[in-house]
PDB file of N, CA and C in Angstrom:
ATOM      1  N   MET A   1       3.299 -19.636  64.552  1.00  0.00           N
ATOM      2  CA  MET A   1       3.763 -19.269  65.854  1.00  0.00           C
ATOM      3  C   MET A   1       3.175 -17.930  66.237  1.00  0.00           C
ATOM      4  N   ARG A   2       2.694 -17.849  67.475  1.00  0.00           N
ATOM      5  CA  ARG A   2       2.097 -16.614  67.966  1.00  0.00           C
ATOM      6  C   ARG A   2       3.102 -15.766  68.733  1.00  0.00           C
ATOM      7  N   GLN A   3       3.069 -14.471  68.566  1.00  0.00           N
ATOM      8  CA  GLN A   3       4.067 -13.662  69.306  1.00  0.00           C
ATOM      9  C   GLN A   3       3.288 -12.735  70.283  1.00  0.00           C
ATOM     10  N   CYS A   4       3.873 -12.447  71.368  1.00  0.00           N
ATOM     11  CA  CYS A   4       3.315 -11.580  72.401  1.00  0.00           C
ATOM     12  C   CYS A   4       4.174 -10.279  72.417  1.00  0.00           C
ATOM     13  N   SER A   5       3.568  -9.166  72.467  1.00  0.00           N
ATOM     14  CA  SER A   5       4.290  -7.909  72.566  1.00  0.00           C
ATOM     15  C   SER A   5       4.995  -7.791  73.897  1.00  0.00           C
ATOM     16  N   GLY A   6       6.235  -7.421  73.860  1.00  0.00           N
ATOM     17  CA  GLY A   6       6.997  -7.236  75.103  1.00  0.00           C
ATOM     18  C   GLY A   6       7.538  -8.462  75.742  1.00  0.00           C
ATOM     19  N   VAL A   7       7.464  -9.623  75.100  1.00  0.00           N
ATOM     20  CA  VAL A   7       7.942 -10.871  75.607  1.00  0.00           C
ATOM     21  C   VAL A   7       9.016 -11.418  74.727  1.00  0.00           C
ATOM     22  N   LEU A   8      10.169 -11.703  75.329  1.00  0.00           N
ATOM     23  CA  LEU A   8      11.267 -12.301  74.555  1.00  0.00           C
ATOM     24  C   LEU A   8      11.608 -13.645  75.101  1.00  0.00           C
ATOM     25  N   SER A   9      12.132 -14.513  74.244  1.00  0.00           N
ATOM     26  CA  SER A   9      12.516 -15.838  74.633  1.00  0.00           C
ATOM     27  C   SER A   9      14.059 -15.920  74.548  1.00  0.00           C
ATOM     28  N   ILE A  10      14.608 -16.621  75.423  1.00  0.00           N
ATOM     29  CA  ILE A  10      16.083 -16.840  75.409  1.00  0.00           C
ATOM     30  C   ILE A  10      16.418 -17.722  74.207  1.00  0.00           C
ATOM     31  N   ASP A  11      15.468 -18.440  73.681  1.00  0.00           N
ATOM     32  CA  ASP A  11      15.679 -19.282  72.472  1.00  0.00           C
ATOM     33  C   ASP A  11      15.564 -18.540  71.169  1.00  0.00           C
ATOM     34  N   ASP A  12      15.170 -17.246  71.233  1.00  0.00           N
ATOM     35  CA  ASP A  12      15.032 -16.473  70.038  1.00  0.00           C
ATOM     36  C   ASP A  12      16.378 -16.235  69.350  1.00  0.00           C
ATOM     37  N   PRO A  13      16.558 -16.624  68.094  1.00  0.00           N
ATOM     38  CA  PRO A  13      17.866 -16.487  67.486  1.00  0.00           C
ATOM     39  C   PRO A  13      18.300 -15.030  67.268  1.00  0.00           C
ATOM     40  N   TYR A  14      17.346 -14.107  67.370  1.00  0.00           N
ATOM     41  CA  TYR A  14      17.633 -12.663  67.204  1.00  0.00           C
ATOM     42  C   TYR A  14      17.654 -11.912  68.508  1.00  0.00           C
ATOM     43  N   LEU A  15      17.741 -12.610  69.567  1.00  0.00           N
ATOM     44  CA  LEU A  15      17.816 -11.985  70.930  1.00  0.00           C
ATOM     45  C   LEU A  15      18.876 -10.967  71.031  1.00  0.00           C
ATOM     46  N   TYR A  16      19.996 -11.294  70.454  1.00  0.00           N
ATOM     47  CA  TYR A  16      21.164 -10.312  70.575  1.00  0.00           C
ATOM     48  C   TYR A  16      20.801  -8.947  70.011  1.00  0.00           C
ATOM     49  N   LYS A  17      19.877  -8.886  69.023  1.00  0.00           N
ATOM     50  CA  LYS A  17      19.505  -7.587  68.458  1.00  0.00           C
ATOM     51  C   LYS A  17      18.737  -6.754  69.474  1.00  0.00           C
ATOM     52  N   TYR A  18      17.879  -7.409  70.270  1.00  0.00           N
ATOM     53  CA  TYR A  18      17.094  -6.684  71.297  1.00  0.00           C
ATOM     54  C   TYR A  18      17.994  -6.240  72.444  1.00  0.00           C
ATOM     55  N   LEU A  19      19.044  -7.006  72.703  1.00  0.00           N
ATOM     56  CA  LEU A  19      19.938  -6.699  73.864  1.00  0.00           C
ATOM     57  C   LEU A  19      21.123  -5.951  73.519  1.00  0.00           C
ATOM     58  N   HIS A  20      21.276  -5.504  72.256  1.00  0.00           N
ATOM     59  CA  HIS A  20      22.418  -4.735  71.839  1.00  0.00           C
ATOM     60  C   HIS A  20      22.322  -3.362  72.562  1.00  0.00           C
ATOM     61  N   SER A  21      23.413  -2.793  72.936  1.00  0.00           N
ATOM     62  CA  SER A  21      23.346  -1.542  73.769  1.00  0.00           C
ATOM     63  C   SER A  21      22.659  -0.361  73.018  1.00  0.00           C
ATOM     64  N   ASP A  22      22.563  -0.405  71.688  1.00  0.00           N
ATOM     65  CA  ASP A  22      21.888   0.694  70.948  1.00  0.00           C
ATOM     66  C   ASP A  22      20.417   0.374  70.664  1.00  0.00           C
ATOM     67  N   ALA A  23      19.978  -0.822  71.052  1.00  0.00           N
ATOM     68  CA  ALA A  23      18.586  -1.219  70.761  1.00  0.00           C
ATOM     69  C   ALA A  23      17.627  -0.458  71.669  1.00  0.00           C
ATOM     70  N   PRO A  24      16.408  -0.141  71.169  1.00  0.00           N
ATOM     71  CA  PRO A  24      15.434   0.600  71.968  1.00  0.00           C
ATOM     72  C   PRO A  24      15.148  -0.020  73.331  1.00  0.00           C
ATOM     73  N   LEU A  25      15.078  -1.354  73.373  1.00  0.00           N
ATOM     74  CA  LEU A  25      14.827  -2.022  74.644  1.00  0.00           C
ATOM     75  C   LEU A  25      15.880  -1.770  75.669  1.00  0.00           C
ATOM     76  N   MET A  26      17.178  -1.854  75.268  1.00  0.00           N
ATOM     77  CA  MET A  26      18.255  -1.586  76.165  1.00  0.00           C
ATOM     78  C   MET A  26      18.390  -0.137  76.546  1.00  0.00           C
ATOM     79  N   GLN A  27      18.048   0.758  75.628  1.00  0.00           N
ATOM     80  CA  GLN A  27      18.060   2.163  75.953  1.00  0.00           C
ATOM     81  C   GLN A  27      16.942   2.460  76.988  1.00  0.00           C
ATOM     82  N   ALA A  28      15.823   1.872  76.874  1.00  0.00           N
ATOM     83  CA  ALA A  28      14.745   2.079  77.863  1.00  0.00           C
ATOM     84  C   ALA A  28      15.156   1.544  79.224  1.00  0.00           C
ATOM     85  N   LEU A  29      15.768   0.333  79.251  1.00  0.00           N
ATOM     86  CA  LEU A  29      16.158  -0.259  80.498  1.00  0.00           C
ATOM     87  C   LEU A  29      17.337   0.457  81.203  1.00  0.00           C
ATOM     88  N   THR A  30      18.120   1.147  80.461  1.00  0.00           N
ATOM     89  CA  THR A  30      19.278   1.806  81.046  1.00  0.00           C
ATOM     90  C   THR A  30      19.073   3.355  81.165  1.00  0.00           C
ATOM     91  N   ASP A  31      17.929   3.834  80.832  1.00  0.00           N
ATOM     92  CA  ASP A  31      17.603   5.284  80.911  1.00  0.00           C
ATOM     93  C   ASP A  31      17.445   5.610  82.422  1.00  0.00           C
ATOM     94  N   ARG A  32      18.346   6.506  82.918  1.00  0.00           N
ATOM     95  CA  ARG A  32      18.347   6.810  84.315  1.00  0.00           C
ATOM     96  C   ARG A  32      17.254   7.851  84.652  1.00  0.00           C
ATOM     97  N   ARG A  33      16.600   8.475  83.643  1.00  0.00           N
ATOM     98  CA  ARG A  33      15.558   9.477  83.941  1.00  0.00           C
ATOM     99  C   ARG A  33      14.211   8.858  84.177  1.00  0.00           C
ATOM    100  N   ARG A  34      13.991   7.667  83.745  1.00  0.00           N
ATOM    101  CA  ARG A  34      12.690   7.033  84.057  1.00  0.00           C
ATOM    102  C   ARG A  34      12.942   5.559  84.359  1.00  0.00           C
ATOM    103  N   THR A  35      12.074   4.993  85.107  1.00  0.00           N
ATOM    104  CA  THR A  35      12.199   3.604  85.578  1.00  0.00           C
ATOM    105  C   THR A  35      11.529   2.673  84.593  1.00  0.00           C
ATOM    106  N   SER A  36      12.227   1.688  84.159  1.00  0.00           N
ATOM    107  CA  SER A  36      11.712   0.576  83.351  1.00  0.00           C
ATOM    108  C   SER A  36      12.164  -0.698  83.946  1.00  0.00           C
ATOM    109  N   ASN A  37      11.186  -1.569  84.222  1.00  0.00           N
ATOM    110  CA  ASN A  37      11.542  -2.854  84.804  1.00  0.00           C
ATOM    111  C   ASN A  37      11.426  -3.982  83.766  1.00  0.00           C
ATOM    112  N   CYS A  38      12.166  -5.036  84.015  1.00  0.00           N
ATOM    113  CA  CYS A  38      12.048  -6.253  83.171  1.00  0.00           C
ATOM    114  C   CYS A  38      11.932  -7.466  84.099  1.00  0.00           C
ATOM    115  N   VAL A  39      11.183  -8.426  83.680  1.00  0.00           N
ATOM    116  CA  VAL A  39      10.949  -9.644  84.452  1.00  0.00           C
ATOM    117  C   VAL A  39      11.738 -10.708  83.690  1.00  0.00           C
ATOM    118  N   VAL A  40      12.567 -11.459  84.402  1.00  0.00           N
ATOM    119  CA  VAL A  40      13.295 -12.604  83.863  1.00  0.00           C
ATOM    120  C   VAL A  40      12.703 -13.814  84.514  1.00  0.00           C
ATOM    121  N   TYR A  41      12.163 -14.758  83.719  1.00  0.00           N
ATOM    122  CA  TYR A  41      11.492 -15.912  84.210  1.00  0.00           C
ATOM    123  C   TYR A  41      12.338 -17.161  83.899  1.00  0.00           C
ATOM    124  N   GLY A  42      12.669 -17.952  84.914  1.00  0.00           N
ATOM    125  CA  GLY A  42      13.401 -19.143  84.686  1.00  0.00           C
ATOM    126  C   GLY A  42      14.127 -19.568  85.945  1.00  0.00           C
ATOM    127  N   ARG A  43      14.809 -20.750  85.825  1.00  0.00           N
ATOM    128  CA  ARG A  43      15.524 -21.290  86.969  1.00  0.00           C
ATOM    129  C   ARG A  43      16.784 -22.035  86.537  1.00  0.00           C
ATOM    130  N   THR A  44      17.243 -21.711  85.315  1.00  0.00           N
ATOM    131  CA  THR A  44      18.398 -22.388  84.755  1.00  0.00           C
ATOM    132  C   THR A  44      19.627 -21.456  84.786  1.00  0.00           C
ATOM    133  N   LEU A  45      20.793 -22.015  84.435  1.00  0.00           N
ATOM    134  CA  LEU A  45      21.976 -21.204  84.378  1.00  0.00           C
ATOM    135  C   LEU A  45      21.812 -20.106  83.294  1.00  0.00           C
ATOM    136  N   ASN A  46      21.050 -20.401  82.247  1.00  0.00           N
ATOM    137  CA  ASN A  46      20.814 -19.413  81.180  1.00  0.00           C
ATOM    138  C   ASN A  46      20.075 -18.144  81.772  1.00  0.00           C
ATOM    139  N   THR A  47      19.191 -18.358  82.752  1.00  0.00           N
ATOM    140  CA  THR A  47      18.474 -17.279  83.371  1.00  0.00           C
ATOM    141  C   THR A  47      19.496 -16.365  84.063  1.00  0.00           C
ATOM    142  N   TYR A  48      20.381 -16.898  84.810  1.00  0.00           N
ATOM    143  CA  TYR A  48      21.308 -16.114  85.555  1.00  0.00           C
ATOM    144  C   TYR A  48      22.388 -15.472  84.621  1.00  0.00           C
ATOM    145  N   ALA A  49      22.691 -16.141  83.509  1.00  0.00           N
ATOM    146  CA  ALA A  49      23.607 -15.571  82.529  1.00  0.00           C
ATOM    147  C   ALA A  49      22.959 -14.351  81.876  1.00  0.00           C
ATOM    148  N   LEU A  50      21.637 -14.462  81.616  1.00  0.00           N
ATOM    149  CA  LEU A  50      20.951 -13.291  81.046  1.00  0.00           C
ATOM    150  C   LEU A  50      20.922 -12.081  81.993  1.00  0.00           C
ATOM    151  N   ILE A  51      20.667 -12.390  83.299  1.00  0.00           N
ATOM    152  CA  ILE A  51      20.694 -11.304  84.269  1.00  0.00           C
ATOM    153  C   ILE A  51      22.038 -10.667  84.337  1.00  0.00           C
ATOM    154  N   GLN A  52      23.116 -11.527  84.320  1.00  0.00           N
ATOM    155  CA  GLN A  52      24.446 -10.916  84.366  1.00  0.00           C
ATOM    156  C   GLN A  52      24.745 -10.076  83.122  1.00  0.00           C
ATOM    157  N   GLY A  53      24.195 -10.495  81.957  1.00  0.00           N
ATOM    158  CA  GLY A  53      24.416  -9.717  80.730  1.00  0.00           C
ATOM    159  C   GLY A  53      23.637  -8.398  80.873  1.00  0.00           C
ATOM    160  N   LEU A  54      22.456  -8.367  81.458  1.00  0.00           N
ATOM    161  CA  LEU A  54      21.731  -7.076  81.629  1.00  0.00           C
ATOM    162  C   LEU A  54      22.503  -6.198  82.546  1.00  0.00           C
ATOM    163  N   LEU A  55      23.025  -6.673  83.647  1.00  0.00           N
ATOM    164  CA  LEU A  55      23.843  -5.905  84.557  1.00  0.00           C
ATOM    165  C   LEU A  55      25.097  -5.371  83.897  1.00  0.00           C
ATOM    166  N   ASN A  56      25.776  -6.159  83.092  1.00  0.00           N
ATOM    167  CA  ASN A  56      26.958  -5.718  82.354  1.00  0.00           C
ATOM    168  C   ASN A  56      26.640  -4.629  81.414  1.00  0.00           C
ATOM    169  N   ARG A  57      25.416  -4.554  80.901  1.00  0.00           N
ATOM    170  CA  ARG A  57      25.029  -3.531  79.919  1.00  0.00           C
ATOM    171  C   ARG A  57      24.476  -2.230  80.604  1.00  0.00           C
ATOM    172  N   GLY A  58      24.476  -2.248  81.934  1.00  0.00           N
ATOM    173  CA  GLY A  58      24.077  -1.066  82.638  1.00  0.00           C
ATOM    174  C   GLY A  58      22.650  -1.071  83.180  1.00  0.00           C
ATOM    175  N   VAL A  59      21.923  -2.150  83.132  1.00  0.00           N
ATOM    176  CA  VAL A  59      20.606  -2.217  83.714  1.00  0.00           C
ATOM    177  C   VAL A  59      20.746  -2.225  85.217  1.00  0.00           C
ATOM    178  N   ARG A  60      19.953  -1.351  85.920  1.00  0.00           N
ATOM    179  CA  ARG A  60      20.038  -1.328  87.419  1.00  0.00           C
ATOM    180  C   ARG A  60      19.533  -2.585  87.978  1.00  0.00           C
ATOM    181  N   PRO A  61      20.193  -3.142  88.992  1.00  0.00           N
ATOM    182  CA  PRO A  61      19.732  -4.336  89.614  1.00  0.00           C
ATOM    183  C   PRO A  61      18.283  -4.202  90.140  1.00  0.00           C
ATOM    184  N   SER A  62      17.863  -3.073  90.617  1.00  0.00           N
ATOM    185  CA  SER A  62      16.528  -2.877  91.086  1.00  0.00           C
ATOM    186  C   SER A  62      15.475  -2.896  89.959  1.00  0.00           C
ATOM    187  N   SER A  63      15.917  -2.884  88.710  1.00  0.00           N
ATOM    188  CA  SER A  63      14.950  -2.892  87.569  1.00  0.00           C
ATOM    189  C   SER A  63      14.781  -4.342  87.100  1.00  0.00           C
ATOM    190  N   ILE A  64      15.535  -5.261  87.644  1.00  0.00           N
ATOM    191  CA  ILE A  64      15.410  -6.686  87.171  1.00  0.00           C
ATOM    192  C   ILE A  64      14.574  -7.440  88.227  1.00  0.00           C
ATOM    193  N   ILE A  65      13.497  -8.050  87.787  1.00  0.00           N
ATOM    194  CA  ILE A  65      12.673  -8.871  88.664  1.00  0.00           C
ATOM    195  C   ILE A  65      12.852 -10.299  88.221  1.00  0.00           C
ATOM    196  N   LEU A  66      13.332 -11.180  89.117  1.00  0.00           N
ATOM    197  CA  LEU A  66      13.546 -12.566  88.835  1.00  0.00           C
ATOM    198  C   LEU A  66      12.299 -13.365  89.291  1.00  0.00           C
ATOM    199  N   ALA A  67      11.697 -14.037  88.404  1.00  0.00           N
ATOM    200  CA  ALA A  67      10.548 -14.890  88.679  1.00  0.00           C
ATOM    201  C   ALA A  67      10.995 -16.361  88.548  1.00  0.00           C
ATOM    202  N   ILE A  68      11.089 -17.065  89.608  1.00  0.00           N
ATOM    203  CA  ILE A  68      11.594 -18.423  89.626  1.00  0.00           C
ATOM    204  C   ILE A  68      10.395 -19.353  89.679  1.00  0.00           C
ATOM    205  N   PRO A  69      10.157 -20.148  88.653  1.00  0.00           N
ATOM    206  CA  PRO A  69       9.013 -21.090  88.680  1.00  0.00           C
ATOM    207  C   PRO A  69       9.290 -22.228  89.617  1.00  0.00           C
ATOM    208  N   GLU A  70       8.213 -22.839  90.182  1.00  0.00           N
ATOM    209  CA  GLU A  70       8.382 -24.016  91.024  1.00  0.00           C
ATOM    210  C   GLU A  70       8.879 -25.143  90.089  1.00  0.00           C
ATOM    211  N   ALA A  71       9.617 -26.091  90.669  1.00  0.00           N
ATOM    212  CA  ALA A  71      10.187 -27.123  89.884  1.00  0.00           C
ATOM    213  C   ALA A  71       9.176 -28.000  89.142  1.00  0.00           C
ATOM    214  N   ASN A  72       7.968 -28.137  89.627  1.00  0.00           N
ATOM    215  CA  ASN A  72       6.965 -29.016  89.051  1.00  0.00           C
ATOM    216  C   ASN A  72       5.850 -28.186  88.312  1.00  0.00           C
ATOM    217  N   CYS A  73       6.113 -26.976  87.924  1.00  0.00           N
ATOM    218  CA  CYS A  73       5.011 -26.127  87.344  1.00  0.00           C
ATOM    219  C   CYS A  73       4.922 -26.290  85.838  1.00  0.00           C
ATOM    220  N   HIS A  74       5.808 -26.920  85.192  1.00  0.00           N
ATOM    221  CA  HIS A  74       5.790 -27.013  83.735  1.00  0.00           C
ATOM    222  C   HIS A  74       4.924 -28.199  83.317  1.00  0.00           C
ATOM    223  N   ILE A  75       4.283 -28.001  82.185  1.00  0.00           N
ATOM    224  CA  ILE A  75       3.421 -29.072  81.630  1.00  0.00           C
ATOM    225  C   ILE A  75       4.292 -30.158  81.040  1.00  0.00           C
ATOM    226  N   GLU A  76       3.959 -31.378  81.338  1.00  0.00           N
ATOM    227  CA  GLU A  76       4.634 -32.521  80.751  1.00  0.00           C
ATOM    228  C   GLU A  76       3.846 -33.064  79.610  1.00  0.00           C
ATOM    229  N   GLU A  77       4.524 -33.452  78.541  1.00  0.00           N
ATOM    230  CA  GLU A  77       3.895 -34.032  77.358  1.00  0.00           C
ATOM    231  C   GLU A  77       3.864 -35.530  77.470  1.00  0.00           C
ATOM    232  N   TYR A  78       2.761 -36.129  77.143  1.00  0.00           N
ATOM    233  CA  TYR A  78       2.606 -37.597  77.177  1.00  0.00           C
ATOM    234  C   TYR A  78       2.323 -38.125  75.773  1.00  0.00           C
ATOM    235  N   ASP A  79       2.862 -39.245  75.453  1.00  0.00           N
ATOM    236  CA  ASP A  79       2.583 -39.908  74.168  1.00  0.00           C
ATOM    237  C   ASP A  79       1.244 -40.490  74.093  1.00  0.00           C
TER     238      ASP A  79
END
């Protein structure tokens, strides 16, 4: 499995570690002295639950960028 720096998946079983209030990522996103943005990509209820969780942890709404994919943009697998 390949990993990309700075990219998290909602399916990552350790996501809670990155989103813990003491984690470096959350400290960067909630630091009022400098601006850090995050992009949330998706169109499911999980996407909006993640955004709500970020807001509950103190991330500024203006720091969250929601990228909604078109309904037909995902690759379909064929047998």
